[in-house]
Amino acid sequence: MANFSDRLRDAIVRTAAPVVVGLDPRFESLPPSLLGEHRGTHDPKVKAGLYLVFCREVIDAVCQHVPAVKPQSAFFEELGPAGMIVLAEVIQYAREKGLLVILDAKRNDIGSTATAYAKGMLGANSPWQADCLTISPYLGDDSLTPFVETATQNDAGLFCLVKTSNPGGKMLQDLVVDGQPIYRHVGAYVEGLAKQTIGECGLGAVGAVVGATYPEQLRELREAMPSTWFLVPGYGSQGGGAKDVAGGFNEAGLGSIVNNSRGIIFAYSREPFATKYQPNQWQKAVEEATLEMIADLQAETTAGKLKA
């Protein structure tokens, strides 16, 4: 297989869509037409089965338009063993549909434990078969090395938390140490890892999570991290828009892949889609919301250069 960075580049160029659809199934938000008689159930096996149907149908609606999906492990873990089985099936289904899979599990540990996480999750030949994994840097450099080594061996990728989209992230990330905020120190380290894993596209297989809710810092980090892919959360439901994420792209229209979860997968519940589509047409709302986001990014960022 090719370097993850090059595979990500190829998938984004093919679709002209720097978009990753977050698979964050919340039981209370599932379409009523899907819930049917199971509304109000507390059975984790029933919920897991509905999550599988829901995620497969979301994937069906978006697979022709975007390069990747991002299952959020927490929503599946919440359901115990049944949820974890479904997570594996969702990952497999997405891969069958030609999508890259970014597993959002934010793992981190040291030594053999980190290695076990990495070997279990990263690469086509791993048990979980994720193309990419989100990781946290706050146990230090030796906690990241096993992930980087395994990702490199398995042609997989990583996105390391640098400047997250949540308001509370500033508690640690914005603390100034040696004249710079901690997120800049972490960013510099991740940029070094990106250079070590660089692909033919000029970007590395180790990327950074940088939120859309901090557009000035996003632009600042793009200038400081020219070799690094950015996974950009915060678009849509968290308040970020296309203009906010524009600073994360390079001149070629690459460098960032922007996540949207609730704004796409539960689009049926908001206007104009709630009025436009019948309850059992929720997949059409998912597809239209995806296309709307793609057009927005193409219009407001250099990603417009990717259009065929």
Protein backbone atom coordinates (compact mmCIF):
# COMPACT_ATOMS: atom_id res chain seq x y z
CA MET A 1 0.00 0.00 0.00
CA ALA A 2 1.03 3.61 -0.49
CA ASN A 3 1.96 6.05 2.24
CA PHE A 4 -1.23 7.09 4.07
CA SER A 5 -0.56 10.74 3.26
CA ASP A 6 -0.54 10.01 -0.46
CA ARG A 7 -3.67 7.87 -0.21
CA LEU A 8 -5.43 10.69 1.61
CA ARG A 9 -4.27 13.17 -1.03
CA ASP A 10 -5.47 10.91 -3.85
CA ALA A 11 -8.88 10.41 -2.23
CA ILE A 12 -9.37 14.13 -1.64
CA VAL A 13 -8.33 15.01 -5.18
CA ARG A 14 -10.58 12.30 -6.64
CA THR A 15 -13.64 13.65 -4.84
CA ALA A 16 -12.59 17.34 -4.81
CA ALA A 17 -13.95 17.20 -1.26
CA PRO A 18 -11.69 17.73 1.78
CA VAL A 19 -14.50 16.40 3.98
CA VAL A 20 -14.65 13.59 6.52
CA VAL A 21 -18.08 12.55 7.75
CA GLY A 22 -18.09 11.80 11.46
CA LEU A 23 -20.04 8.69 12.44
CA ASP A 24 -21.30 9.69 15.90
CA PRO A 25 -24.49 7.66 16.38
CA ARG A 26 -26.55 8.99 19.29
CA PHE A 27 -29.56 6.83 20.03
CA GLU A 28 -31.85 9.74 20.90
CA SER A 29 -31.02 11.45 17.59
CA LEU A 30 -31.59 8.52 15.24
CA PRO A 31 -34.30 9.07 12.63
CA PRO A 32 -37.75 8.07 13.96
CA SER A 33 -38.35 6.01 10.83
CA LEU A 34 -35.31 3.93 11.73
CA LEU A 35 -36.16 3.57 15.42
CA GLY A 36 -39.61 2.23 14.75
CA GLU A 37 -40.87 0.16 17.67
CA HIS A 38 -37.50 0.38 19.44
CA ARG A 39 -37.87 3.96 20.59
CA GLY A 40 -37.09 4.09 24.31
CA THR A 41 -35.29 0.73 24.44
CA HIS A 42 -32.41 0.30 26.88
CA ASP A 43 -31.12 -2.93 25.37
CA PRO A 44 -27.54 -2.33 24.16
CA LYS A 45 -27.79 -5.13 21.61
CA VAL A 46 -30.86 -3.53 20.03
CA LYS A 47 -29.19 -0.12 20.04
CA ALA A 48 -26.05 -1.58 18.48
CA GLY A 49 -28.09 -3.17 15.71
CA LEU A 50 -29.73 0.17 14.95
CA TYR A 51 -26.33 1.89 14.95
CA LEU A 52 -25.13 -0.59 12.35
CA VAL A 53 -28.09 0.06 10.06
CA PHE A 54 -27.79 3.81 10.55
CA CYS A 55 -24.06 4.00 9.89
CA ARG A 56 -24.27 1.77 6.83
CA GLU A 57 -27.01 3.95 5.37
CA VAL A 58 -25.02 7.13 6.10
CA ILE A 59 -22.04 5.54 4.35
CA ASP A 60 -24.23 4.64 1.37
CA ALA A 61 -25.38 8.26 1.15
CA VAL A 62 -21.90 9.83 1.25
CA CYS A 63 -19.45 7.29 -0.18
CA GLN A 64 -19.54 8.74 -3.70
CA HIS A 65 -18.88 12.26 -2.47
CA VAL A 66 -16.23 12.20 0.28
CA PRO A 67 -12.86 10.54 0.81
CA ALA A 68 -13.25 9.37 4.40
CA VAL A 69 -15.44 8.70 7.41
CA LYS A 70 -14.53 9.05 11.08
CA PRO A 71 -16.24 6.64 13.48
CA GLN A 72 -16.21 8.01 17.03
CA SER A 73 -15.31 5.00 19.14
CA ALA A 74 -16.99 6.35 22.29
CA PHE A 75 -20.53 5.98 20.96
CA PHE A 76 -19.91 2.32 20.18
CA GLU A 77 -17.96 1.60 23.38
CA GLU A 78 -20.91 2.99 25.35
CA LEU A 79 -22.90 -0.07 24.29
CA GLY A 80 -20.31 -2.56 25.51
CA PRO A 81 -19.38 -5.70 23.55
CA ALA A 82 -22.31 -5.36 21.14
CA GLY A 83 -21.22 -1.84 20.25
CA MET A 84 -17.63 -2.88 19.65
CA ILE A 85 -18.71 -5.65 17.29
CA VAL A 86 -20.78 -3.11 15.37
CA LEU A 87 -17.85 -0.66 15.25
CA ALA A 88 -15.75 -3.34 13.55
CA GLU A 89 -18.56 -4.02 11.07
CA VAL A 90 -18.95 -0.29 10.32
CA ILE A 91 -15.22 0.05 9.65
CA GLN A 92 -15.29 -2.96 7.34
CA TYR A 93 -18.34 -1.66 5.49
CA ALA A 94 -16.75 1.75 4.95
CA ARG A 95 -13.60 0.12 3.58
CA GLU A 96 -15.69 -2.00 1.21
CA LYS A 97 -17.25 1.21 -0.10
CA GLY A 98 -13.81 2.62 -0.88
CA LEU A 99 -13.59 5.08 2.00
CA LEU A 100 -10.61 5.79 4.21
CA VAL A 101 -11.41 5.22 7.88
CA ILE A 102 -10.13 7.58 10.57
CA LEU A 103 -10.84 5.89 13.90
CA ASP A 104 -11.44 8.61 16.47
CA ALA A 105 -10.34 6.89 19.68
CA LYS A 106 -7.77 9.44 21.00
CA ARG A 107 -5.48 6.75 22.34
CA ASN A 108 -2.27 7.30 24.28
CA ASP A 109 -0.11 5.28 26.63
CA ILE A 110 3.51 4.28 27.12
CA GLY A 111 5.72 1.41 26.05
CA SER A 112 4.14 -1.93 25.29
CA THR A 113 0.63 -0.62 25.99
CA ALA A 114 0.92 2.04 23.29
CA THR A 115 2.32 -0.57 20.94
CA ALA A 116 -0.66 -2.83 21.63
CA TYR A 117 -3.12 -0.03 20.89
CA ALA A 118 -1.31 0.77 17.65
CA LYS A 119 -0.99 -2.82 16.44
CA GLY A 120 -4.62 -3.50 17.25
CA MET A 121 -6.03 -0.52 15.39
CA LEU A 122 -3.72 0.61 12.61
CA GLY A 123 -3.52 -0.75 9.09
CA ALA A 124 -5.35 -3.05 6.72
CA ASN A 125 -3.90 -6.16 8.39
CA SER A 126 -4.72 -5.11 11.95
CA PRO A 127 -7.77 -6.48 13.80
CA TRP A 128 -9.60 -3.14 13.62
CA GLN A 129 -8.31 -2.23 10.12
CA ALA A 130 -8.39 1.54 10.61
CA ASP A 131 -6.45 3.58 8.06
CA CYS A 132 -5.77 6.25 10.66
CA LEU A 133 -6.11 6.86 14.41
CA THR A 134 -6.42 9.95 16.57
CA ILE A 135 -3.93 10.14 19.44
CA SER A 136 -3.17 12.41 22.40
CA PRO A 137 0.34 13.80 23.04
CA TYR A 138 0.14 14.53 26.74
CA LEU A 139 2.14 11.56 27.99
CA GLY A 140 5.14 12.80 26.05
CA ASP A 141 7.27 11.82 23.08
CA ASP A 142 7.93 8.23 24.15
CA SER A 143 4.17 7.63 24.19
CA LEU A 144 3.89 8.67 20.54
CA THR A 145 6.86 6.70 19.18
CA PRO A 146 5.09 3.28 19.19
CA PHE A 147 2.16 4.75 17.28
CA VAL A 148 4.42 6.39 14.70
CA GLU A 149 6.49 3.24 14.23
CA THR A 150 3.43 1.04 13.78
CA ALA A 151 1.71 3.53 11.48
CA THR A 152 4.83 3.69 9.31
CA GLN A 153 5.14 -0.10 9.15
CA ASN A 154 1.47 -0.51 8.26
CA ASP A 155 1.10 2.42 5.81
CA ALA A 156 -1.37 3.99 8.21
CA GLY A 157 -1.80 7.51 9.53
CA LEU A 158 -2.17 9.43 12.79
CA PHE A 159 -3.79 12.68 13.84
CA CYS A 160 -2.35 14.06 17.06
CA LEU A 161 -4.30 16.53 19.20
CA VAL A 162 -2.67 19.97 18.91
CA LYS A 163 -5.31 22.73 19.19
CA THR A 164 -8.72 21.21 19.84
CA SER A 165 -12.09 22.80 19.11
CA ASN A 166 -13.56 22.67 22.63
CA PRO A 167 -13.52 25.86 24.78
CA GLY A 168 -11.80 24.12 27.69
CA GLY A 169 -8.84 23.06 25.59
CA LYS A 170 -7.15 26.37 26.33
CA MET A 171 -6.68 25.36 29.99
CA LEU A 172 -3.57 23.41 28.98
CA GLN A 173 -3.04 24.07 25.30
CA ASP A 174 -2.75 27.86 25.65
CA LEU A 175 -0.42 27.86 28.65
CA VAL A 176 2.76 29.74 27.74
CA VAL A 177 6.03 27.85 28.24
CA ASP A 178 9.37 29.23 27.07
CA GLY A 179 7.63 32.09 25.32
CA GLN A 180 5.12 29.99 23.34
CA PRO A 181 1.78 28.33 24.10
CA ILE A 182 1.92 24.60 24.63
CA TYR A 183 -0.01 23.96 21.41
CA ARG A 184 2.87 25.51 19.48
CA HIS A 185 5.36 23.22 21.20
CA VAL A 186 3.19 20.20 20.41
CA GLY A 187 2.71 21.47 16.86
CA ALA A 188 6.46 21.77 16.33
CA TYR A 189 6.94 18.19 17.51
CA VAL A 190 4.17 16.89 15.25
CA GLU A 191 5.64 18.80 12.30
CA GLY A 192 8.89 16.96 12.92
CA LEU A 193 7.05 13.63 12.86
CA ALA A 194 5.28 14.66 9.66
CA LYS A 195 8.63 15.33 8.00
CA GLN A 196 9.84 11.89 9.08
CA THR A 197 6.81 10.22 7.45
CA ILE A 198 6.47 12.46 4.41
CA GLY A 199 4.85 11.17 1.27
CA GLU A 200 5.27 12.08 -2.38
CA CYS A 201 2.57 14.73 -1.90
CA GLY A 202 4.85 16.68 0.46
CA LEU A 203 2.76 16.02 3.56
CA GLY A 204 3.40 13.49 6.31
CA ALA A 205 1.46 10.49 7.58
CA VAL A 206 1.42 12.05 11.06
CA GLY A 207 -1.08 14.91 11.15
CA ALA A 208 -2.59 17.31 13.67
CA VAL A 209 -6.07 17.92 15.05
CA VAL A 210 -6.66 21.68 14.84
CA GLY A 211 -10.14 23.09 15.48
CA ALA A 212 -12.19 25.30 13.19
CA THR A 213 -13.33 27.26 16.23
CA TYR A 214 -9.93 28.95 16.48
CA PRO A 215 -9.36 30.27 12.94
CA GLU A 216 -6.44 32.54 13.83
CA GLN A 217 -4.55 29.70 15.47
CA LEU A 218 -5.45 27.44 12.55
CA ARG A 219 -3.83 29.87 10.14
CA GLU A 220 -0.87 30.34 12.47
CA LEU A 221 -0.30 26.60 12.71
CA ARG A 222 -0.58 26.11 8.95
CA GLU A 223 2.31 28.53 8.49
CA ALA A 224 4.32 26.79 11.20
CA MET A 225 3.47 23.24 10.05
CA PRO A 226 3.74 23.14 6.24
CA SER A 227 4.35 19.35 6.14
CA THR A 228 1.38 18.40 8.30
CA TRP A 229 -2.15 17.32 7.40
CA PHE A 230 -4.81 18.90 9.61
CA LEU A 231 -7.93 17.10 10.76
CA VAL A 232 -10.26 20.02 11.46
CA PRO A 233 -13.22 19.49 13.84
CA GLY A 234 -15.67 22.21 14.79
CA TYR A 235 -17.36 22.85 11.43
CA GLY A 236 -21.15 23.00 11.54
CA SER A 237 -22.75 22.20 14.87
CA GLN A 238 -19.83 23.63 16.87
CA GLY A 239 -20.07 26.94 15.03
CA GLY A 240 -17.21 26.85 12.56
CA GLY A 241 -17.79 27.68 8.90
CA ALA A 242 -15.89 27.47 5.63
CA LYS A 243 -14.25 30.86 6.11
CA ASP A 244 -13.03 29.73 9.54
CA VAL A 245 -11.25 26.69 8.11
CA ALA A 246 -9.79 28.45 5.08
CA GLY A 247 -6.50 29.09 6.88
CA GLY A 248 -5.88 25.37 7.24
CA PHE A 249 -5.42 24.80 3.51
CA ASN A 250 -2.25 25.32 1.50
CA GLU A 251 -2.10 27.05 -1.87
CA ALA A 252 -2.79 23.80 -3.72
CA GLY A 253 -6.07 23.31 -1.88
CA LEU A 254 -4.69 20.49 0.26
CA GLY A 255 -3.44 20.17 3.81
CA SER A 256 -6.76 19.87 5.65
CA ILE A 257 -9.67 17.49 5.90
CA VAL A 258 -12.67 19.02 7.65
CA ASN A 259 -14.94 16.96 9.87
CA ASN A 260 -18.69 17.30 10.11
CA SER A 261 -20.65 14.86 12.23
CA ARG A 262 -24.05 15.95 13.58
CA GLY A 263 -24.52 18.57 10.86
CA ILE A 264 -24.53 15.82 8.25
CA ILE A 265 -25.71 12.58 9.83
CA PHE A 266 -28.67 14.20 11.61
CA ALA A 267 -29.39 16.78 8.92
CA TYR A 268 -32.95 15.44 8.59
CA SER A 269 -33.85 17.15 11.89
CA ARG A 270 -32.93 20.72 10.87
CA GLU A 271 -34.13 23.15 8.26
CA PRO A 272 -34.41 23.25 5.35
CA PHE A 273 -34.21 19.47 5.29
CA ALA A 274 -36.89 18.86 7.92
CA THR A 275 -39.44 20.53 5.67
CA LYS A 276 -38.04 19.38 2.36
CA TYR A 277 -37.91 15.63 3.04
CA GLN A 278 -40.28 13.06 4.48
CA PRO A 279 -39.08 11.28 7.67
CA ASN A 280 -38.17 8.14 5.73
CA GLN A 281 -36.05 10.21 3.32
CA TRP A 282 -33.43 11.10 5.93
CA GLN A 283 -30.66 9.68 3.73
CA LYS A 284 -31.45 12.33 1.12
CA ALA A 285 -30.91 14.99 3.79
CA VAL A 286 -27.55 13.40 4.64
CA GLU A 287 -26.46 13.47 1.02
CA GLU A 288 -27.64 17.03 0.39
CA ALA A 289 -25.99 18.33 3.56
CA THR A 290 -22.74 16.69 2.45
CA LEU A 291 -22.90 18.26 -1.00
CA GLU A 292 -23.75 21.61 0.57
CA MET A 293 -20.65 21.45 2.77
CA ILE A 294 -18.43 20.45 -0.15
CA ALA A 295 -19.70 23.39 -2.20
CA ASP A 296 -19.17 25.71 0.75
CA LEU A 297 -15.54 24.65 1.14
CA GLN A 298 -14.91 24.86 -2.59
CA ALA A 299 -16.30 28.40 -2.64
CA GLU A 300 -14.53 29.76 0.44
CA THR A 301 -11.16 27.99 0.52
CA THR A 302 -8.37 27.03 -1.85
CA ALA A 303 -9.99 23.58 -1.99
CA GLY A 304 -11.91 25.06 -4.91
CA LYS A 305 -8.79 24.36 -6.97
CA LEU A 306 -9.52 20.64 -6.64
CA LYS A 307 -12.70 20.83 -8.69
CA ALA A 308 -12.50 18.86 -11.89
